[in-house]
Amino acid sequence: MELRTLSLSVFLVALWGGFNAANSQAQVTLDVVTERTPITFRSNDNLADGQATELVHELIAQSDFEYQLYFSPWKRAYRRAETESNVIIYPLARTAERENKFHWIGQITPVHYYLFRLLERSDISVDSLADVNRYKVGVVNFHAHHVYLKSQGIANLEPVNSNRQNFHKLLRKRVELFASSSAGLLTLCEQEKTDCEKFVPALKLEGISKGLYIAASLDTPDEIVARLKAAYGLIEESGLLGKIMGERMNEQDKDRFLEQF
C-alpha cells in the first residue's frame, strides 16, 4: 500500500511538471457555471456554505488556469456545458444518460436522492416508481432527478427553478412528493428554520444516487482535461479534498445525512 501511494505521487508530480512546462506558452480562461445552492454559494449569513465552489477554485488555481464564475438557473448552466467548449460545470450528478456527454474531472461528494413526503401524509404510499404517477411531484428544472423521472415515464412532474420553492410547495401541500438529496433537504431545513422530522423518505431514486462531480464540456481540449484531472488527484491525495468538503465526504454506501431524520 505504501509503495502504491508513493508511485501515484511520483506519477502525478511528473505529470504536473510536464503540464506546467507546456502551459508557459499560453494562458487559458475557463468559464465555470453553476447555480446558487448551499453547496455552491457562500453568503455573509452562512460562511460554512459554498464548499464546492471553494474546491473548484482550488482545482483551477492548481491547474494554473484563469476562470470566470457564472451563477445561473441550472437549465441554462447545463445547456452551456453541453454545447460550448472550455466550460466547467458543478455539482453535476453522474448518471448513465450523461456519462458520454462530459469529461468527468472528479467527485465532489457522494449523493443520495429520494422522493420525500410529509410525515403527516401517511395516505401517500410509494413502493416503486410505478406508484409515483398517482401523486404530484416537485422537481427542479433539468436537475438529474427531473431528467431521470421523465425518462421513467413519470408524468405528474411540476418543475421549478430551485429546491427552496419545492420545499415550501410540499409544506403547503401543493405537491405530494419532493425530489431532493438527503443532504440538500437537511440544509434547507436549517436555512428555513423548519423541523426536518416533518419529512420522511418515500422512495430512494437508485438510478441517480451515484455522486456529484466537477465536469468539463465535451469539446474542452484533452490537455486541459488532463491538467484538471491531475490537479484533482493531487488535491485528493494531499487530504485537501476531505478538508474542504468536511462531513459531506461520507462513505459512498452509507447515507449519514439520512440517519439524522
C-alpha atoms as a PDB file:
ATOM      1  CA  MET A   1       0.000   0.000   0.000  1.00  0.00           C
ATOM      2  CA  GLU A   2       2.848   2.391   0.880  1.00  0.00           C
ATOM      3  CA  LEU A   3       4.674   1.617  -2.395  1.00  0.00           C
ATOM      4  CA  ARG A   4       1.461   2.119  -4.390  1.00  0.00           C
ATOM      5  CA  THR A   5       0.834   5.531  -2.788  1.00  0.00           C
ATOM      6  CA  LEU A   6       4.415   6.593  -3.482  1.00  0.00           C
ATOM      7  CA  SER A   7       4.129   5.519  -7.124  1.00  0.00           C
ATOM      8  CA  LEU A   8       0.971   7.568  -7.550  1.00  0.00           C
ATOM      9  CA  SER A   9       2.694  10.600  -6.039  1.00  0.00           C
ATOM     10  CA  VAL A  10       5.685  10.277  -8.358  1.00  0.00           C
ATOM     11  CA  PHE A  11       3.419   9.886 -11.391  1.00  0.00           C
ATOM     12  CA  LEU A  12       1.299  12.918 -10.536  1.00  0.00           C
ATOM     13  CA  VAL A  13       4.295  15.123  -9.787  1.00  0.00           C
ATOM     14  CA  ALA A  14       5.947  14.139 -13.066  1.00  0.00           C
ATOM     15  CA  LEU A  15       2.728  14.717 -14.975  1.00  0.00           C
ATOM     16  CA  TRP A  16       2.220  18.033 -13.241  1.00  0.00           C
ATOM     17  CA  GLY A  17       5.713  19.211 -14.142  1.00  0.00           C
ATOM     18  CA  GLY A  18       5.122  18.443 -17.790  1.00  0.00           C
ATOM     19  CA  PHE A  19       1.849  20.360 -17.803  1.00  0.00           C
ATOM     20  CA  ASN A  20       3.446  23.395 -16.161  1.00  0.00           C
ATOM     21  CA  ALA A  21       6.141  23.455 -18.839  1.00  0.00           C
ATOM     22  CA  ALA A  22       3.581  23.197 -21.627  1.00  0.00           C
ATOM     23  CA  ASN A  23       1.446  25.880 -20.027  1.00  0.00           C
ATOM     24  CA  SER A  24       4.149  28.502 -20.278  1.00  0.00           C
ATOM     25  CA  GLN A  25       3.158  29.058 -23.904  1.00  0.00           C
ATOM     26  CA  ALA A  26      -0.384  30.316 -23.371  1.00  0.00           C
ATOM     27  CA  GLN A  27      -2.945  31.103 -20.701  1.00  0.00           C
ATOM     28  CA  VAL A  28      -6.466  29.690 -20.882  1.00  0.00           C
ATOM     29  CA  THR A  29      -9.574  31.153 -19.252  1.00  0.00           C
ATOM     30  CA  LEU A  30     -12.311  28.687 -18.353  1.00  0.00           C
ATOM     31  CA  ASP A  31     -15.994  29.514 -17.934  1.00  0.00           C
ATOM     32  CA  VAL A  32     -17.312  27.911 -14.737  1.00  0.00           C
ATOM     33  CA  VAL A  33     -21.088  27.524 -14.453  1.00  0.00           C
ATOM     34  CA  THR A  34     -23.276  26.546 -11.524  1.00  0.00           C
ATOM     35  CA  GLU A  35     -26.437  27.590  -9.679  1.00  0.00           C
ATOM     36  CA  ARG A  36     -26.893  29.193  -6.279  1.00  0.00           C
ATOM     37  CA  THR A  37     -27.250  26.443  -3.699  1.00  0.00           C
ATOM     38  CA  PRO A  38     -25.804  25.999  -0.197  1.00  0.00           C
ATOM     39  CA  ILE A  39     -23.009  23.830  -1.579  1.00  0.00           C
ATOM     40  CA  THR A  40     -22.014  26.441  -4.208  1.00  0.00           C
ATOM     41  CA  PHE A  41     -22.797  29.875  -2.757  1.00  0.00           C
ATOM     42  CA  ARG A  42     -21.318  31.373   0.385  1.00  0.00           C
ATOM     43  CA  SER A  43     -23.342  34.226   1.850  1.00  0.00           C
ATOM     44  CA  ASN A  44     -22.463  36.656   4.621  1.00  0.00           C
ATOM     45  CA  ASP A  45     -25.098  34.923   6.756  1.00  0.00           C
ATOM     46  CA  ASN A  46     -23.601  31.456   6.440  1.00  0.00           C
ATOM     47  CA  LEU A  47     -19.855  31.261   5.891  1.00  0.00           C
ATOM     48  CA  ALA A  48     -19.966  27.464   6.238  1.00  0.00           C
ATOM     49  CA  ASP A  49     -21.615  27.156   2.829  1.00  0.00           C
ATOM     50  CA  GLY A  50     -20.010  27.104  -0.597  1.00  0.00           C
ATOM     51  CA  GLN A  51     -17.618  24.169  -0.135  1.00  0.00           C
ATOM     52  CA  ALA A  52     -17.961  23.009  -3.745  1.00  0.00           C
ATOM     53  CA  THR A  53     -17.046  26.454  -5.079  1.00  0.00           C
ATOM     54  CA  GLU A  54     -14.036  26.548  -2.788  1.00  0.00           C
ATOM     55  CA  LEU A  55     -12.983  23.165  -4.169  1.00  0.00           C
ATOM     56  CA  VAL A  56     -13.405  24.300  -7.786  1.00  0.00           C
ATOM     57  CA  HIS A  57     -11.396  27.463  -7.079  1.00  0.00           C
ATOM     58  CA  GLU A  58      -8.569  25.367  -5.633  1.00  0.00           C
ATOM     59  CA  LEU A  59      -8.726  22.918  -8.538  1.00  0.00           C
ATOM     60  CA  ILE A  60      -8.448  25.580 -11.239  1.00  0.00           C
ATOM     61  CA  ALA A  61      -5.795  27.554  -9.344  1.00  0.00           C
ATOM     62  CA  GLN A  62      -3.632  24.443  -9.049  1.00  0.00           C
ATOM     63  CA  SER A  63      -4.176  23.767 -12.752  1.00  0.00           C
ATOM     64  CA  ASP A  64      -2.797  27.260 -13.470  1.00  0.00           C
ATOM     65  CA  PHE A  65      -5.851  28.454 -15.396  1.00  0.00           C
ATOM     66  CA  GLU A  66      -7.853  31.655 -15.121  1.00  0.00           C
ATOM     67  CA  TYR A  67     -11.639  31.392 -14.820  1.00  0.00           C
ATOM     68  CA  GLN A  68     -14.899  33.317 -14.781  1.00  0.00           C
ATOM     69  CA  LEU A  69     -17.633  32.064 -12.448  1.00  0.00           C
ATOM     70  CA  TYR A  70     -21.290  32.323 -13.517  1.00  0.00           C
ATOM     71  CA  PHE A  71     -24.324  31.632 -11.307  1.00  0.00           C
ATOM     72  CA  SER A  72     -27.483  30.979 -13.330  1.00  0.00           C
ATOM     73  CA  PRO A  73     -30.582  28.750 -13.372  1.00  0.00           C
ATOM     74  CA  TRP A  74     -29.488  25.141 -13.718  1.00  0.00           C
ATOM     75  CA  LYS A  75     -31.041  24.560 -17.143  1.00  0.00           C
ATOM     76  CA  ARG A  76     -29.056  27.476 -18.611  1.00  0.00           C
ATOM     77  CA  ALA A  77     -25.835  26.342 -16.946  1.00  0.00           C
ATOM     78  CA  TYR A  78     -26.307  22.791 -18.206  1.00  0.00           C
ATOM     79  CA  ARG A  79     -27.001  23.916 -21.771  1.00  0.00           C
ATOM     80  CA  ARG A  80     -23.779  25.947 -21.818  1.00  0.00           C
ATOM     81  CA  ALA A  81     -21.755  22.989 -20.579  1.00  0.00           C
ATOM     82  CA  GLU A  82     -23.440  20.725 -23.105  1.00  0.00           C
ATOM     83  CA  THR A  83     -22.843  22.945 -26.145  1.00  0.00           C
ATOM     84  CA  GLU A  84     -19.736  25.106 -25.551  1.00  0.00           C
ATOM     85  CA  SER A  85     -16.024  24.383 -25.138  1.00  0.00           C
ATOM     86  CA  ASN A  86     -13.833  25.188 -22.107  1.00  0.00           C
ATOM     87  CA  VAL A  87     -16.819  25.129 -19.735  1.00  0.00           C
ATOM     88  CA  ILE A  88     -16.651  23.613 -16.252  1.00  0.00           C
ATOM     89  CA  ILE A  89     -19.937  22.680 -14.553  1.00  0.00           C
ATOM     90  CA  TYR A  90     -20.596  21.598 -10.973  1.00  0.00           C
ATOM     91  CA  PRO A  91     -22.098  19.988  -8.931  1.00  0.00           C
ATOM     92  CA  LEU A  92     -23.265  17.614 -11.677  1.00  0.00           C
ATOM     93  CA  ALA A  93     -24.903  14.298 -10.821  1.00  0.00           C
ATOM     94  CA  ARG A  94     -23.196  11.494 -12.739  1.00  0.00           C
ATOM     95  CA  THR A  95     -25.859   9.411 -14.441  1.00  0.00           C
ATOM     96  CA  ALA A  96     -25.868   6.825 -17.213  1.00  0.00           C
ATOM     97  CA  GLU A  97     -27.648   9.274 -19.528  1.00  0.00           C
ATOM     98  CA  ARG A  98     -24.919  11.903 -19.014  1.00  0.00           C
ATOM     99  CA  GLU A  99     -21.879   9.611 -18.957  1.00  0.00           C
ATOM    100  CA  ASN A 100     -20.720  10.275 -22.515  1.00  0.00           C
ATOM    101  CA  LYS A 101     -21.756  13.942 -22.647  1.00  0.00           C
ATOM    102  CA  PHE A 102     -18.998  15.314 -20.384  1.00  0.00           C
ATOM    103  CA  HIS A 103     -15.454  14.817 -19.195  1.00  0.00           C
ATOM    104  CA  TRP A 104     -15.691  13.803 -15.519  1.00  0.00           C
ATOM    105  CA  ILE A 105     -12.941  15.565 -13.561  1.00  0.00           C
ATOM    106  CA  GLY A 106     -13.593  14.318 -10.041  1.00  0.00           C
ATOM    107  CA  GLN A 107     -16.205  13.686  -7.406  1.00  0.00           C
ATOM    108  CA  ILE A 108     -17.274  16.453  -5.045  1.00  0.00           C
ATOM    109  CA  THR A 109     -19.336  14.286  -2.731  1.00  0.00           C
ATOM    110  CA  PRO A 110     -21.438  11.128  -2.731  1.00  0.00           C
ATOM    111  CA  VAL A 111     -25.146  11.867  -3.104  1.00  0.00           C
ATOM    112  CA  HIS A 112     -28.357  10.057  -2.205  1.00  0.00           C
ATOM    113  CA  TYR A 113     -31.589  11.169  -3.908  1.00  0.00           C
ATOM    114  CA  TYR A 114     -35.077  10.453  -2.592  1.00  0.00           C
ATOM    115  CA  LEU A 115     -38.693  11.363  -3.079  1.00  0.00           C
ATOM    116  CA  PHE A 116     -39.749  12.867   0.259  1.00  0.00           C
ATOM    117  CA  ARG A 117     -43.251  13.249   1.662  1.00  0.00           C
ATOM    118  CA  LEU A 118     -44.644  14.945   4.751  1.00  0.00           C
ATOM    119  CA  LEU A 119     -44.682  12.710   7.819  1.00  0.00           C
ATOM    120  CA  GLU A 120     -48.358  13.522   8.373  1.00  0.00           C
ATOM    121  CA  ARG A 121     -49.272  12.292   4.878  1.00  0.00           C
ATOM    122  CA  SER A 122     -49.465   8.614   5.789  1.00  0.00           C
ATOM    123  CA  ASP A 123     -52.015   8.231   2.981  1.00  0.00           C
ATOM    124  CA  ILE A 124     -49.162   8.551   0.456  1.00  0.00           C
ATOM    125  CA  SER A 125     -47.737   5.114  -0.310  1.00  0.00           C
ATOM    126  CA  VAL A 126     -44.881   4.615  -2.768  1.00  0.00           C
ATOM    127  CA  ASP A 127     -43.268   1.195  -3.039  1.00  0.00           C
ATOM    128  CA  SER A 128     -41.767   1.643  -6.516  1.00  0.00           C
ATOM    129  CA  LEU A 129     -41.595   4.114  -9.389  1.00  0.00           C
ATOM    130  CA  ALA A 130     -44.803   2.595 -10.737  1.00  0.00           C
ATOM    131  CA  ASP A 131     -46.655   4.194  -7.812  1.00  0.00           C
ATOM    132  CA  VAL A 132     -45.266   7.708  -8.312  1.00  0.00           C
ATOM    133  CA  ASN A 133     -47.688   8.737 -11.070  1.00  0.00           C
ATOM    134  CA  ARG A 134     -50.507   8.777  -8.505  1.00  0.00           C
ATOM    135  CA  TYR A 135     -49.026  11.934  -6.975  1.00  0.00           C
ATOM    136  CA  LYS A 136     -47.844  15.437  -7.884  1.00  0.00           C
ATOM    137  CA  VAL A 137     -44.047  15.547  -7.712  1.00  0.00           C
ATOM    138  CA  GLY A 138     -41.960  18.683  -7.201  1.00  0.00           C
ATOM    139  CA  VAL A 139     -38.652  18.716  -9.126  1.00  0.00           C
ATOM    140  CA  VAL A 140     -36.046  21.311 -10.100  1.00  0.00           C
ATOM    141  CA  ASN A 141     -35.990  22.082 -13.796  1.00  0.00           C
ATOM    142  CA  PHE A 142     -33.404  19.944 -15.636  1.00  0.00           C
ATOM    143  CA  HIS A 143     -31.836  18.541 -12.474  1.00  0.00           C
ATOM    144  CA  ALA A 144     -30.806  14.894 -12.552  1.00  0.00           C
ATOM    145  CA  HIS A 145     -33.941  13.849 -10.664  1.00  0.00           C
ATOM    146  CA  HIS A 146     -36.148  15.716 -13.171  1.00  0.00           C
ATOM    147  CA  VAL A 147     -34.487  14.081 -16.188  1.00  0.00           C
ATOM    148  CA  TYR A 148     -34.474  10.660 -14.520  1.00  0.00           C
ATOM    149  CA  LEU A 149     -38.136  10.693 -13.513  1.00  0.00           C
ATOM    150  CA  LYS A 150     -39.180  11.837 -17.002  1.00  0.00           C
ATOM    151  CA  SER A 151     -37.147   9.014 -18.521  1.00  0.00           C
ATOM    152  CA  GLN A 152     -39.035   6.571 -16.293  1.00  0.00           C
ATOM    153  CA  GLY A 153     -42.386   7.751 -17.621  1.00  0.00           C
ATOM    154  CA  ILE A 154     -43.409   9.844 -14.605  1.00  0.00           C
ATOM    155  CA  ALA A 155     -45.883  12.410 -15.923  1.00  0.00           C
ATOM    156  CA  ASN A 156     -47.083  14.391 -12.877  1.00  0.00           C
ATOM    157  CA  LEU A 157     -43.914  16.476 -12.509  1.00  0.00           C
ATOM    158  CA  GLU A 158     -44.014  20.141 -11.504  1.00  0.00           C
ATOM    159  CA  PRO A 159     -40.621  21.700 -12.300  1.00  0.00           C
ATOM    160  CA  VAL A 160     -39.486  24.944 -10.642  1.00  0.00           C
ATOM    161  CA  ASN A 161     -36.165  26.797 -10.526  1.00  0.00           C
ATOM    162  CA  SER A 162     -34.979  25.961  -7.002  1.00  0.00           C
ATOM    163  CA  ASN A 163     -35.215  23.361  -4.254  1.00  0.00           C
ATOM    164  CA  ARG A 164     -36.472  26.040  -1.883  1.00  0.00           C
ATOM    165  CA  GLN A 165     -39.616  26.515  -3.997  1.00  0.00           C
ATOM    166  CA  ASN A 166     -40.416  22.807  -3.854  1.00  0.00           C
ATOM    167  CA  PHE A 167     -39.661  22.694  -0.139  1.00  0.00           C
ATOM    168  CA  HIS A 168     -42.390  25.247   0.520  1.00  0.00           C
ATOM    169  CA  LYS A 169     -44.776  23.716  -2.026  1.00  0.00           C
ATOM    170  CA  LEU A 170     -44.550  20.435  -0.122  1.00  0.00           C
ATOM    171  CA  LEU A 171     -45.159  22.147   3.219  1.00  0.00           C
ATOM    172  CA  ARG A 172     -48.211  23.897   1.734  1.00  0.00           C
ATOM    173  CA  LYS A 173     -49.398  20.601   0.209  1.00  0.00           C
ATOM    174  CA  ARG A 174     -49.288  21.941  -3.322  1.00  0.00           C
ATOM    175  CA  VAL A 175     -47.222  18.869  -4.232  1.00  0.00           C
ATOM    176  CA  GLU A 176     -47.281  15.476  -2.540  1.00  0.00           C
ATOM    177  CA  LEU A 177     -43.702  14.368  -3.195  1.00  0.00           C
ATOM    178  CA  PHE A 178     -40.498  16.370  -3.420  1.00  0.00           C
ATOM    179  CA  ALA A 179     -37.295  15.124  -5.125  1.00  0.00           C
ATOM    180  CA  SER A 180     -34.130  16.060  -3.258  1.00  0.00           C
ATOM    181  CA  SER A 181     -30.883  14.715  -1.903  1.00  0.00           C
ATOM    182  CA  SER A 182     -30.969  13.969   1.812  1.00  0.00           C
ATOM    183  CA  ALA A 183     -28.119  16.411   2.451  1.00  0.00           C
ATOM    184  CA  GLY A 184     -29.902  19.099   0.429  1.00  0.00           C
ATOM    185  CA  LEU A 185     -33.111  18.692   2.418  1.00  0.00           C
ATOM    186  CA  LEU A 186     -31.269  18.897   5.735  1.00  0.00           C
ATOM    187  CA  THR A 187     -29.607  22.111   4.602  1.00  0.00           C
ATOM    188  CA  LEU A 188     -32.973  23.573   3.584  1.00  0.00           C
ATOM    189  CA  CYS A 189     -34.440  22.669   6.974  1.00  0.00           C
ATOM    190  CA  GLU A 190     -31.609  24.547   8.676  1.00  0.00           C
ATOM    191  CA  GLN A 191     -31.926  27.590   6.427  1.00  0.00           C
ATOM    192  CA  GLU A 192     -35.716  27.759   6.623  1.00  0.00           C
ATOM    193  CA  LYS A 193     -35.738  27.019  10.373  1.00  0.00           C
ATOM    194  CA  THR A 194     -38.031  24.029   9.846  1.00  0.00           C
ATOM    195  CA  ASP A 195     -38.007  20.781  11.807  1.00  0.00           C
ATOM    196  CA  CYS A 196     -36.773  18.055   9.420  1.00  0.00           C
ATOM    197  CA  GLU A 197     -38.798  15.496  11.345  1.00  0.00           C
ATOM    198  CA  LYS A 198     -41.744  16.769   9.309  1.00  0.00           C
ATOM    199  CA  PHE A 199     -40.322  14.879   6.306  1.00  0.00           C
ATOM    200  CA  VAL A 200     -39.763  11.200   5.588  1.00  0.00           C
ATOM    201  CA  PRO A 201     -38.253   9.481   2.527  1.00  0.00           C
ATOM    202  CA  ALA A 202     -40.929   7.774   0.450  1.00  0.00           C
ATOM    203  CA  LEU A 203     -38.630   6.221  -2.180  1.00  0.00           C
ATOM    204  CA  LYS A 204     -34.904   6.213  -2.928  1.00  0.00           C
ATOM    205  CA  LEU A 205     -34.052   7.110  -6.530  1.00  0.00           C
ATOM    206  CA  GLU A 206     -31.451   4.412  -7.027  1.00  0.00           C
ATOM    207  CA  GLY A 207     -30.807   5.282 -10.667  1.00  0.00           C
ATOM    208  CA  ILE A 208     -29.139   8.615  -9.880  1.00  0.00           C
ATOM    209  CA  SER A 209     -27.732   8.143  -6.380  1.00  0.00           C
ATOM    210  CA  LYS A 210     -24.095   7.958  -7.503  1.00  0.00           C
ATOM    211  CA  GLY A 211     -22.321  11.218  -6.729  1.00  0.00           C
ATOM    212  CA  LEU A 212     -21.940  14.914  -7.529  1.00  0.00           C
ATOM    213  CA  TYR A 213     -19.000  15.783  -9.773  1.00  0.00           C
ATOM    214  CA  ILE A 214     -16.979  18.538 -11.355  1.00  0.00           C
ATOM    215  CA  ALA A 215     -17.198  18.027 -15.125  1.00  0.00           C
ATOM    216  CA  ALA A 216     -15.923  19.674 -18.292  1.00  0.00           C
ATOM    217  CA  SER A 217     -17.763  20.183 -21.555  1.00  0.00           C
ATOM    218  CA  LEU A 218     -17.086  17.516 -24.155  1.00  0.00           C
ATOM    219  CA  ASP A 219     -15.433  19.982 -26.576  1.00  0.00           C
ATOM    220  CA  THR A 220     -12.837  21.007 -23.998  1.00  0.00           C
ATOM    221  CA  PRO A 221      -9.332  20.108 -25.287  1.00  0.00           C
ATOM    222  CA  ASP A 222      -7.796  16.920 -23.913  1.00  0.00           C
ATOM    223  CA  GLU A 223      -4.770  18.715 -22.481  1.00  0.00           C
ATOM    224  CA  ILE A 224      -6.995  20.958 -20.363  1.00  0.00           C
ATOM    225  CA  VAL A 225      -8.986  17.982 -19.100  1.00  0.00           C
ATOM    226  CA  ALA A 226      -5.771  16.116 -18.268  1.00  0.00           C
ATOM    227  CA  ARG A 227      -4.399  19.044 -16.250  1.00  0.00           C
ATOM    228  CA  LEU A 228      -7.632  19.361 -14.297  1.00  0.00           C
ATOM    229  CA  LYS A 229      -7.695  15.633 -13.540  1.00  0.00           C
ATOM    230  CA  ALA A 230      -4.060  15.726 -12.433  1.00  0.00           C
ATOM    231  CA  ALA A 231      -4.801  18.654 -10.119  1.00  0.00           C
ATOM    232  CA  TYR A 232      -7.813  16.841  -8.670  1.00  0.00           C
ATOM    233  CA  GLY A 233      -5.601  13.824  -7.985  1.00  0.00           C
ATOM    234  CA  LEU A 234      -3.126  15.965  -6.078  1.00  0.00           C
ATOM    235  CA  ILE A 235      -5.887  17.645  -4.070  1.00  0.00           C
ATOM    236  CA  GLU A 236      -7.407  14.277  -3.187  1.00  0.00           C
ATOM    237  CA  GLU A 237      -4.074  12.684  -2.285  1.00  0.00           C
ATOM    238  CA  SER A 238      -2.999  15.604  -0.084  1.00  0.00           C
ATOM    239  CA  GLY A 239      -6.186  15.393   2.020  1.00  0.00           C
ATOM    240  CA  LEU A 240      -7.334  18.858   0.927  1.00  0.00           C
ATOM    241  CA  LEU A 241     -10.468  17.403  -0.710  1.00  0.00           C
ATOM    242  CA  GLY A 242     -11.662  15.957   2.600  1.00  0.00           C
ATOM    243  CA  LYS A 243     -10.691  19.115   4.466  1.00  0.00           C
ATOM    244  CA  ILE A 244     -12.744  21.348   2.147  1.00  0.00           C
ATOM    245  CA  MET A 245     -15.799  19.115   1.847  1.00  0.00           C
ATOM    246  CA  GLY A 246     -15.826  18.006   5.500  1.00  0.00           C
ATOM    247  CA  GLU A 247     -18.702  15.809   6.588  1.00  0.00           C
ATOM    248  CA  ARG A 248     -20.143  15.697   3.080  1.00  0.00           C
ATOM    249  CA  MET A 249     -17.413  13.207   2.201  1.00  0.00           C
ATOM    250  CA  ASN A 250     -19.271  10.324   3.837  1.00  0.00           C
ATOM    251  CA  GLU A 251     -18.793   6.783   2.602  1.00  0.00           C
ATOM    252  CA  GLN A 252     -20.367   6.016  -0.765  1.00  0.00           C
ATOM    253  CA  ASP A 253     -22.588   3.191   0.536  1.00  0.00           C
ATOM    254  CA  LYS A 254     -23.752   4.966   3.671  1.00  0.00           C
ATOM    255  CA  ASP A 255     -26.123   7.920   3.813  1.00  0.00           C
ATOM    256  CA  ARG A 256     -25.024   9.549   7.041  1.00  0.00           C
ATOM    257  CA  PHE A 257     -27.321  12.513   6.404  1.00  0.00           C
ATOM    258  CA  LEU A 258     -30.414  10.312   6.181  1.00  0.00           C
ATOM    259  CA  GLU A 259     -29.632   8.882   9.608  1.00  0.00           C
ATOM    260  CA  GLN A 260     -30.420  12.315  11.060  1.00  0.00           C
ATOM    261  CA  PHE A 261     -34.074  12.163  10.002  1.00  0.00           C
END
